[in-house]
Amino acid sequence: MPLLLYFILISLLRPASFKQHNDLIDWSAERKLTWSDFRADPVKSSPAAALTSTSIKIDFESNNGSFQYHIRCRFDKNKSWVRVRNDYILAHEQAHFDIAEIYARKLNKVLKAYKPNDAHLSSDVNRIYDSMMKEYYDKQEEYDDETNYSINKRKQEEWLKKVKEELSDLRDYASYN
Protein backbone atom coordinates (compact mmCIF):
# COMPACT_ATOMS: atom_id res chain seq x y z
CA MET A 1 0.00 0.00 0.00
CA PRO A 2 1.51 3.36 -0.95
CA LEU A 3 2.40 5.69 1.82
CA LEU A 4 0.72 8.93 0.87
CA LEU A 5 2.38 11.90 2.43
CA TYR A 6 1.03 15.37 2.63
CA PHE A 7 1.62 18.44 0.58
CA ILE A 8 3.26 21.66 1.62
CA LEU A 9 2.23 25.06 0.43
CA ILE A 10 4.02 28.28 1.01
CA SER A 11 2.89 31.68 -0.10
CA LEU A 12 4.42 35.11 0.14
CA LEU A 13 1.33 36.39 1.90
CA ARG A 14 -0.52 33.56 3.70
CA PRO A 15 -1.55 29.96 3.10
CA ALA A 16 -3.84 29.66 0.12
CA SER A 17 -7.38 28.50 0.56
CA PHE A 18 -9.26 26.45 -2.03
CA LYS A 19 -9.34 28.36 -5.31
CA GLN A 20 -10.62 28.03 -8.79
CA HIS A 21 -7.73 27.10 -11.08
CA ASN A 22 -8.26 30.25 -13.16
CA ASP A 23 -7.31 32.36 -10.12
CA LEU A 24 -3.83 30.83 -10.21
CA ILE A 25 -1.29 31.04 -13.03
CA ASP A 26 1.32 28.32 -13.37
CA TRP A 27 4.71 29.76 -14.28
CA SER A 28 5.46 29.51 -17.99
CA ALA A 29 8.16 31.04 -20.16
CA GLU A 30 5.47 31.77 -22.75
CA ARG A 31 2.91 33.29 -20.38
CA LYS A 32 4.04 36.61 -18.92
CA LEU A 33 2.04 38.53 -16.35
CA THR A 34 -0.29 41.32 -17.44
CA TRP A 35 -1.87 44.00 -15.30
CA SER A 36 -5.25 42.29 -15.64
CA ASP A 37 -3.77 39.41 -13.59
CA PHE A 38 -3.53 41.68 -10.53
CA ARG A 39 -7.05 41.53 -9.07
CA ALA A 40 -6.69 42.29 -5.36
CA ASP A 41 -7.29 45.73 -3.92
CA PRO A 42 -4.05 47.51 -3.01
CA VAL A 43 -3.12 47.43 0.65
CA LYS A 44 -3.81 50.97 1.83
CA SER A 45 -0.96 51.02 4.34
CA SER A 46 1.63 49.86 1.78
CA PRO A 47 3.70 52.38 -0.16
CA ALA A 48 4.43 49.73 -2.82
CA ALA A 49 3.45 50.27 -6.45
CA ALA A 50 2.39 46.63 -6.77
CA LEU A 51 2.57 43.28 -5.02
CA THR A 52 3.07 39.85 -6.56
CA SER A 53 1.86 36.84 -4.57
CA THR A 54 3.47 33.55 -5.55
CA SER A 55 3.55 30.06 -4.11
CA ILE A 56 5.70 26.98 -4.48
CA LYS A 57 3.91 23.76 -3.58
CA ILE A 58 5.09 20.19 -3.49
CA ASP A 59 3.10 16.97 -3.30
CA PHE A 60 5.08 13.80 -2.70
CA GLU A 61 4.64 10.12 -2.00
CA SER A 62 6.61 6.95 -1.68
CA ASN A 63 5.54 3.52 -2.82
CA ASN A 64 7.93 0.68 -1.96
CA GLY A 65 11.00 2.87 -2.34
CA SER A 66 9.73 4.74 -5.40
CA PHE A 67 9.83 8.45 -4.52
CA GLN A 68 7.56 10.64 -6.63
CA TYR A 69 6.86 14.34 -6.34
CA HIS A 70 5.09 17.14 -8.13
CA ILE A 71 6.06 20.82 -7.79
CA ARG A 72 3.90 23.82 -8.72
CA CYS A 73 5.01 27.41 -8.99
CA ARG A 74 2.05 29.76 -9.20
CA PHE A 75 0.98 33.37 -9.20
CA ASP A 76 -2.19 34.18 -7.23
CA LYS A 77 -4.37 36.71 -9.05
CA ASN A 78 -6.59 37.32 -6.02
CA LYS A 79 -3.70 38.22 -3.70
CA SER A 80 -1.70 40.30 -6.16
CA TRP A 81 -2.39 43.98 -6.58
CA VAL A 82 -1.26 47.07 -8.42
CA ARG A 83 -1.31 50.79 -7.75
CA VAL A 84 1.06 52.06 -10.49
CA ARG A 85 0.69 50.54 -13.96
CA ASN A 86 3.62 50.80 -16.36
CA ASP A 87 5.89 48.39 -18.20
CA TYR A 88 8.81 49.06 -15.86
CA ILE A 89 6.86 48.08 -12.72
CA LEU A 90 5.35 45.08 -14.52
CA ALA A 91 8.87 43.85 -15.39
CA HIS A 92 9.80 44.13 -11.69
CA GLU A 93 6.75 42.11 -10.68
CA GLN A 94 7.40 39.50 -13.40
CA ALA A 95 10.90 39.06 -11.97
CA HIS A 96 9.37 38.22 -8.58
CA PHE A 97 7.42 35.42 -10.29
CA ASP A 98 10.55 34.37 -12.19
CA ILE A 99 12.53 34.18 -8.93
CA ALA A 100 9.83 31.85 -7.60
CA GLU A 101 10.35 29.67 -10.68
CA ILE A 102 14.11 29.65 -10.07
CA TYR A 103 13.50 28.24 -6.60
CA ALA A 104 11.00 25.68 -7.87
CA ARG A 105 13.73 24.50 -10.25
CA LYS A 106 16.33 24.51 -7.48
CA LEU A 107 13.98 22.42 -5.35
CA ASN A 108 13.57 20.02 -8.27
CA LYS A 109 17.36 19.80 -8.65
CA VAL A 110 17.86 18.93 -4.98
CA LEU A 111 15.00 16.41 -4.97
CA LYS A 112 16.34 14.70 -8.10
CA ALA A 113 19.62 14.10 -6.24
CA TYR A 114 17.86 12.96 -3.04
CA LYS A 115 18.15 9.26 -2.18
CA PRO A 116 14.82 8.46 -0.49
CA ASN A 117 14.51 6.53 2.73
CA ASP A 118 10.88 5.69 3.51
CA ALA A 119 11.56 5.87 7.25
CA HIS A 120 12.70 9.50 6.98
CA LEU A 121 11.06 10.63 3.76
CA SER A 122 8.62 13.13 5.22
CA SER A 123 11.13 14.78 7.55
CA ASP A 124 13.82 14.81 4.84
CA VAL A 125 11.57 16.39 2.21
CA ASN A 126 10.25 18.92 4.73
CA ARG A 127 13.81 19.85 5.74
CA ILE A 128 14.85 20.24 2.09
CA TYR A 129 11.73 22.28 1.32
CA ASP A 130 12.12 24.54 4.36
CA SER A 131 15.76 25.20 3.53
CA MET A 132 14.93 26.04 -0.08
CA MET A 133 12.05 28.32 0.95
CA LYS A 134 14.31 30.23 3.35
CA GLU A 135 16.72 30.84 0.45
CA TYR A 136 13.75 31.82 -1.71
CA TYR A 137 12.41 34.38 0.77
CA ASP A 138 15.90 35.77 1.31
CA LYS A 139 16.39 36.14 -2.47
CA GLN A 140 13.04 37.94 -2.88
CA GLU A 141 14.01 40.31 -0.09
CA GLU A 142 17.49 40.85 -1.55
CA TYR A 143 15.90 41.66 -4.93
CA ASP A 144 13.63 44.34 -3.45
CA ASP A 145 16.39 45.72 -1.21
CA GLU A 146 19.00 46.01 -3.97
CA THR A 147 16.59 47.48 -6.52
CA ASN A 148 14.88 49.62 -3.87
CA TYR A 149 11.59 48.11 -5.06
CA SER A 150 12.52 48.92 -8.70
CA ILE A 151 13.44 52.56 -8.00
CA ASN A 152 17.16 51.91 -8.63
CA LYS A 153 17.01 51.50 -12.41
CA ARG A 154 20.63 50.34 -12.80
CA LYS A 155 20.21 47.60 -10.18
CA GLN A 156 16.83 46.67 -11.63
CA GLU A 157 18.41 46.05 -15.04
CA GLU A 158 21.21 44.00 -13.41
CA TRP A 159 18.64 41.85 -11.61
CA LEU A 160 16.51 41.30 -14.71
CA LYS A 161 19.61 40.05 -16.51
CA LYS A 162 20.66 37.89 -13.54
CA VAL A 163 17.19 36.32 -13.24
CA LYS A 164 17.09 35.54 -16.96
CA GLU A 165 20.53 33.90 -16.78
CA GLU A 166 19.63 31.83 -13.74
CA LEU A 167 16.44 30.59 -15.39
CA SER A 168 18.55 29.55 -18.37
CA ASP A 169 21.19 27.89 -16.17
CA LEU A 170 18.45 25.83 -14.46
CA ARG A 171 16.55 24.92 -17.66
CA ASP A 172 17.40 21.21 -17.14
CA TYR A 173 15.25 21.31 -13.98
CA ALA A 174 12.24 23.09 -15.50
CA SER A 175 10.28 19.85 -16.02
CA TYR A 176 8.98 19.22 -12.55
CA ASN A 177 5.25 18.84 -13.25
C-alpha atoms as a PDB file:
ATOM      1  CA  MET A   1       0.000   0.000   0.000  1.00  0.00           C
ATOM      2  CA  PRO A   2       1.508   3.356  -0.951  1.00  0.00           C
ATOM      3  CA  LEU A   3       2.404   5.687   1.823  1.00  0.00           C
ATOM      4  CA  LEU A   4       0.723   8.928   0.867  1.00  0.00           C
ATOM      5  CA  LEU A   5       2.382  11.900   2.430  1.00  0.00           C
ATOM      6  CA  TYR A   6       1.032  15.367   2.626  1.00  0.00           C
ATOM      7  CA  PHE A   7       1.620  18.438   0.582  1.00  0.00           C
ATOM      8  CA  ILE A   8       3.262  21.656   1.624  1.00  0.00           C
ATOM      9  CA  LEU A   9       2.232  25.061   0.432  1.00  0.00           C
ATOM     10  CA  ILE A  10       4.024  28.282   1.015  1.00  0.00           C
ATOM     11  CA  SER A  11       2.888  31.684  -0.095  1.00  0.00           C
ATOM     12  CA  LEU A  12       4.424  35.113   0.136  1.00  0.00           C
ATOM     13  CA  LEU A  13       1.326  36.387   1.899  1.00  0.00           C
ATOM     14  CA  ARG A  14      -0.518  33.562   3.697  1.00  0.00           C
ATOM     15  CA  PRO A  15      -1.546  29.958   3.098  1.00  0.00           C
ATOM     16  CA  ALA A  16      -3.843  29.660   0.125  1.00  0.00           C
ATOM     17  CA  SER A  17      -7.383  28.495   0.560  1.00  0.00           C
ATOM     18  CA  PHE A  18      -9.263  26.451  -2.031  1.00  0.00           C
ATOM     19  CA  LYS A  19      -9.342  28.358  -5.308  1.00  0.00           C
ATOM     20  CA  GLN A  20     -10.623  28.026  -8.791  1.00  0.00           C
ATOM     21  CA  HIS A  21      -7.728  27.099 -11.076  1.00  0.00           C
ATOM     22  CA  ASN A  22      -8.264  30.252 -13.157  1.00  0.00           C
ATOM     23  CA  ASP A  23      -7.309  32.358 -10.117  1.00  0.00           C
ATOM     24  CA  LEU A  24      -3.830  30.829 -10.214  1.00  0.00           C
ATOM     25  CA  ILE A  25      -1.288  31.039 -13.027  1.00  0.00           C
ATOM     26  CA  ASP A  26       1.324  28.318 -13.372  1.00  0.00           C
ATOM     27  CA  TRP A  27       4.705  29.763 -14.281  1.00  0.00           C
ATOM     28  CA  SER A  28       5.456  29.509 -17.991  1.00  0.00           C
ATOM     29  CA  ALA A  29       8.165  31.036 -20.161  1.00  0.00           C
ATOM     30  CA  GLU A  30       5.471  31.768 -22.754  1.00  0.00           C
ATOM     31  CA  ARG A  31       2.908  33.289 -20.377  1.00  0.00           C
ATOM     32  CA  LYS A  32       4.043  36.607 -18.918  1.00  0.00           C
ATOM     33  CA  LEU A  33       2.036  38.532 -16.346  1.00  0.00           C
ATOM     34  CA  THR A  34      -0.286  41.324 -17.437  1.00  0.00           C
ATOM     35  CA  TRP A  35      -1.869  43.995 -15.303  1.00  0.00           C
ATOM     36  CA  SER A  36      -5.249  42.291 -15.636  1.00  0.00           C
ATOM     37  CA  ASP A  37      -3.775  39.415 -13.593  1.00  0.00           C
ATOM     38  CA  PHE A  38      -3.529  41.683 -10.527  1.00  0.00           C
ATOM     39  CA  ARG A  39      -7.053  41.531  -9.072  1.00  0.00           C
ATOM     40  CA  ALA A  40      -6.692  42.292  -5.362  1.00  0.00           C
ATOM     41  CA  ASP A  41      -7.293  45.728  -3.921  1.00  0.00           C
ATOM     42  CA  PRO A  42      -4.051  47.515  -3.014  1.00  0.00           C
ATOM     43  CA  VAL A  43      -3.117  47.427   0.651  1.00  0.00           C
ATOM     44  CA  LYS A  44      -3.809  50.969   1.830  1.00  0.00           C
ATOM     45  CA  SER A  45      -0.958  51.021   4.338  1.00  0.00           C
ATOM     46  CA  SER A  46       1.628  49.860   1.785  1.00  0.00           C
ATOM     47  CA  PRO A  47       3.695  52.379  -0.155  1.00  0.00           C
ATOM     48  CA  ALA A  48       4.431  49.728  -2.822  1.00  0.00           C
ATOM     49  CA  ALA A  49       3.453  50.272  -6.449  1.00  0.00           C
ATOM     50  CA  ALA A  50       2.390  46.629  -6.772  1.00  0.00           C
ATOM     51  CA  LEU A  51       2.570  43.282  -5.020  1.00  0.00           C
ATOM     52  CA  THR A  52       3.068  39.851  -6.556  1.00  0.00           C
ATOM     53  CA  SER A  53       1.863  36.837  -4.572  1.00  0.00           C
ATOM     54  CA  THR A  54       3.468  33.546  -5.553  1.00  0.00           C
ATOM     55  CA  SER A  55       3.551  30.063  -4.114  1.00  0.00           C
ATOM     56  CA  ILE A  56       5.699  26.985  -4.476  1.00  0.00           C
ATOM     57  CA  LYS A  57       3.908  23.763  -3.583  1.00  0.00           C
ATOM     58  CA  ILE A  58       5.094  20.187  -3.489  1.00  0.00           C
ATOM     59  CA  ASP A  59       3.102  16.969  -3.296  1.00  0.00           C
ATOM     60  CA  PHE A  60       5.083  13.802  -2.705  1.00  0.00           C
ATOM     61  CA  GLU A  61       4.635  10.122  -2.001  1.00  0.00           C
ATOM     62  CA  SER A  62       6.612   6.948  -1.681  1.00  0.00           C
ATOM     63  CA  ASN A  63       5.543   3.515  -2.819  1.00  0.00           C
ATOM     64  CA  ASN A  64       7.926   0.680  -1.956  1.00  0.00           C
ATOM     65  CA  GLY A  65      10.999   2.870  -2.339  1.00  0.00           C
ATOM     66  CA  SER A  66       9.728   4.738  -5.399  1.00  0.00           C
ATOM     67  CA  PHE A  67       9.835   8.448  -4.525  1.00  0.00           C
ATOM     68  CA  GLN A  68       7.564  10.636  -6.635  1.00  0.00           C
ATOM     69  CA  TYR A  69       6.863  14.339  -6.339  1.00  0.00           C
ATOM     70  CA  HIS A  70       5.090  17.144  -8.135  1.00  0.00           C
ATOM     71  CA  ILE A  71       6.055  20.817  -7.790  1.00  0.00           C
ATOM     72  CA  ARG A  72       3.904  23.817  -8.724  1.00  0.00           C
ATOM     73  CA  CYS A  73       5.009  27.415  -8.989  1.00  0.00           C
ATOM     74  CA  ARG A  74       2.050  29.759  -9.204  1.00  0.00           C
ATOM     75  CA  PHE A  75       0.975  33.372  -9.203  1.00  0.00           C
ATOM     76  CA  ASP A  76      -2.194  34.183  -7.230  1.00  0.00           C
ATOM     77  CA  LYS A  77      -4.373  36.714  -9.047  1.00  0.00           C
ATOM     78  CA  ASN A  78      -6.593  37.323  -6.024  1.00  0.00           C
ATOM     79  CA  LYS A  79      -3.701  38.225  -3.701  1.00  0.00           C
ATOM     80  CA  SER A  80      -1.697  40.304  -6.159  1.00  0.00           C
ATOM     81  CA  TRP A  81      -2.393  43.982  -6.584  1.00  0.00           C
ATOM     82  CA  VAL A  82      -1.263  47.071  -8.422  1.00  0.00           C
ATOM     83  CA  ARG A  83      -1.314  50.790  -7.754  1.00  0.00           C
ATOM     84  CA  VAL A  84       1.061  52.061 -10.493  1.00  0.00           C
ATOM     85  CA  ARG A  85       0.694  50.542 -13.962  1.00  0.00           C
ATOM     86  CA  ASN A  86       3.619  50.801 -16.355  1.00  0.00           C
ATOM     87  CA  ASP A  87       5.886  48.388 -18.199  1.00  0.00           C
ATOM     88  CA  TYR A  88       8.807  49.062 -15.863  1.00  0.00           C
ATOM     89  CA  ILE A  89       6.860  48.083 -12.715  1.00  0.00           C
ATOM     90  CA  LEU A  90       5.351  45.084 -14.523  1.00  0.00           C
ATOM     91  CA  ALA A  91       8.872  43.846 -15.387  1.00  0.00           C
ATOM     92  CA  HIS A  92       9.803  44.132 -11.692  1.00  0.00           C
ATOM     93  CA  GLU A  93       6.750  42.107 -10.681  1.00  0.00           C
ATOM     94  CA  GLN A  94       7.398  39.498 -13.403  1.00  0.00           C
ATOM     95  CA  ALA A  95      10.899  39.065 -11.974  1.00  0.00           C
ATOM     96  CA  HIS A  96       9.369  38.223  -8.577  1.00  0.00           C
ATOM     97  CA  PHE A  97       7.420  35.423 -10.289  1.00  0.00           C
ATOM     98  CA  ASP A  98      10.552  34.369 -12.194  1.00  0.00           C
ATOM     99  CA  ILE A  99      12.527  34.180  -8.932  1.00  0.00           C
ATOM    100  CA  ALA A 100       9.831  31.848  -7.597  1.00  0.00           C
ATOM    101  CA  GLU A 101      10.347  29.673 -10.679  1.00  0.00           C
ATOM    102  CA  ILE A 102      14.111  29.653 -10.072  1.00  0.00           C
ATOM    103  CA  TYR A 103      13.502  28.240  -6.598  1.00  0.00           C
ATOM    104  CA  ALA A 104      10.997  25.683  -7.865  1.00  0.00           C
ATOM    105  CA  ARG A 105      13.730  24.496 -10.251  1.00  0.00           C
ATOM    106  CA  LYS A 106      16.332  24.510  -7.477  1.00  0.00           C
ATOM    107  CA  LEU A 107      13.976  22.422  -5.350  1.00  0.00           C
ATOM    108  CA  ASN A 108      13.568  20.018  -8.273  1.00  0.00           C
ATOM    109  CA  LYS A 109      17.356  19.803  -8.652  1.00  0.00           C
ATOM    110  CA  VAL A 110      17.858  18.932  -4.977  1.00  0.00           C
ATOM    111  CA  LEU A 111      14.997  16.406  -4.968  1.00  0.00           C
ATOM    112  CA  LYS A 112      16.337  14.696  -8.102  1.00  0.00           C
ATOM    113  CA  ALA A 113      19.620  14.096  -6.237  1.00  0.00           C
ATOM    114  CA  TYR A 114      17.856  12.961  -3.043  1.00  0.00           C
ATOM    115  CA  LYS A 115      18.147   9.257  -2.184  1.00  0.00           C
ATOM    116  CA  PRO A 116      14.815   8.462  -0.494  1.00  0.00           C
ATOM    117  CA  ASN A 117      14.506   6.533   2.726  1.00  0.00           C
ATOM    118  CA  ASP A 118      10.879   5.686   3.513  1.00  0.00           C
ATOM    119  CA  ALA A 119      11.558   5.870   7.248  1.00  0.00           C
ATOM    120  CA  HIS A 120      12.700   9.495   6.976  1.00  0.00           C
ATOM    121  CA  LEU A 121      11.062  10.632   3.763  1.00  0.00           C
ATOM    122  CA  SER A 122       8.623  13.126   5.222  1.00  0.00           C
ATOM    123  CA  SER A 123      11.134  14.781   7.545  1.00  0.00           C
ATOM    124  CA  ASP A 124      13.824  14.810   4.844  1.00  0.00           C
ATOM    125  CA  VAL A 125      11.574  16.395   2.212  1.00  0.00           C
ATOM    126  CA  ASN A 126      10.253  18.920   4.730  1.00  0.00           C
ATOM    127  CA  ARG A 127      13.812  19.845   5.736  1.00  0.00           C
ATOM    128  CA  ILE A 128      14.847  20.240   2.087  1.00  0.00           C
ATOM    129  CA  TYR A 129      11.732  22.275   1.320  1.00  0.00           C
ATOM    130  CA  ASP A 130      12.123  24.536   4.364  1.00  0.00           C
ATOM    131  CA  SER A 131      15.762  25.204   3.525  1.00  0.00           C
ATOM    132  CA  MET A 132      14.934  26.039  -0.083  1.00  0.00           C
ATOM    133  CA  MET A 133      12.054  28.316   0.950  1.00  0.00           C
ATOM    134  CA  LYS A 134      14.308  30.227   3.350  1.00  0.00           C
ATOM    135  CA  GLU A 135      16.716  30.845   0.455  1.00  0.00           C
ATOM    136  CA  TYR A 136      13.752  31.817  -1.714  1.00  0.00           C
ATOM    137  CA  TYR A 137      12.414  34.380   0.770  1.00  0.00           C
ATOM    138  CA  ASP A 138      15.905  35.768   1.308  1.00  0.00           C
ATOM    139  CA  LYS A 139      16.387  36.141  -2.469  1.00  0.00           C
ATOM    140  CA  GLN A 140      13.041  37.943  -2.883  1.00  0.00           C
ATOM    141  CA  GLU A 141      14.009  40.314  -0.087  1.00  0.00           C
ATOM    142  CA  GLU A 142      17.488  40.855  -1.548  1.00  0.00           C
ATOM    143  CA  TYR A 143      15.901  41.661  -4.927  1.00  0.00           C
ATOM    144  CA  ASP A 144      13.632  44.339  -3.451  1.00  0.00           C
ATOM    145  CA  ASP A 145      16.391  45.724  -1.210  1.00  0.00           C
ATOM    146  CA  GLU A 146      18.998  46.009  -3.966  1.00  0.00           C
ATOM    147  CA  THR A 147      16.590  47.476  -6.515  1.00  0.00           C
ATOM    148  CA  ASN A 148      14.881  49.616  -3.868  1.00  0.00           C
ATOM    149  CA  TYR A 149      11.590  48.110  -5.058  1.00  0.00           C
ATOM    150  CA  SER A 150      12.516  48.921  -8.700  1.00  0.00           C
ATOM    151  CA  ILE A 151      13.444  52.559  -8.001  1.00  0.00           C
ATOM    152  CA  ASN A 152      17.159  51.910  -8.634  1.00  0.00           C
ATOM    153  CA  LYS A 153      17.012  51.497 -12.406  1.00  0.00           C
ATOM    154  CA  ARG A 154      20.631  50.340 -12.804  1.00  0.00           C
ATOM    155  CA  LYS A 155      20.215  47.597 -10.180  1.00  0.00           C
ATOM    156  CA  GLN A 156      16.834  46.671 -11.632  1.00  0.00           C
ATOM    157  CA  GLU A 157      18.414  46.046 -15.042  1.00  0.00           C
ATOM    158  CA  GLU A 158      21.208  43.998 -13.415  1.00  0.00           C
ATOM    159  CA  TRP A 159      18.639  41.851 -11.610  1.00  0.00           C
ATOM    160  CA  LEU A 160      16.509  41.302 -14.713  1.00  0.00           C
ATOM    161  CA  LYS A 161      19.614  40.046 -16.508  1.00  0.00           C
ATOM    162  CA  LYS A 162      20.663  37.888 -13.542  1.00  0.00           C
ATOM    163  CA  VAL A 163      17.186  36.320 -13.240  1.00  0.00           C
ATOM    164  CA  LYS A 164      17.086  35.544 -16.962  1.00  0.00           C
ATOM    165  CA  GLU A 165      20.534  33.904 -16.779  1.00  0.00           C
ATOM    166  CA  GLU A 166      19.627  31.835 -13.741  1.00  0.00           C
ATOM    167  CA  LEU A 167      16.437  30.593 -15.390  1.00  0.00           C
ATOM    168  CA  SER A 168      18.552  29.551 -18.370  1.00  0.00           C
ATOM    169  CA  ASP A 169      21.189  27.893 -16.170  1.00  0.00           C
ATOM    170  CA  LEU A 170      18.447  25.832 -14.464  1.00  0.00           C
ATOM    171  CA  ARG A 171      16.550  24.917 -17.656  1.00  0.00           C
ATOM    172  CA  ASP A 172      17.395  21.214 -17.145  1.00  0.00           C
ATOM    173  CA  TYR A 173      15.252  21.307 -13.978  1.00  0.00           C
ATOM    174  CA  ALA A 174      12.239  23.086 -15.504  1.00  0.00           C
ATOM    175  CA  SER A 175      10.285  19.848 -16.021  1.00  0.00           C
ATOM    176  CA  TYR A 176       8.978  19.216 -12.553  1.00  0.00           C
ATOM    177  CA  ASN A 177       5.252  18.841 -13.247  1.00  0.00           C
END
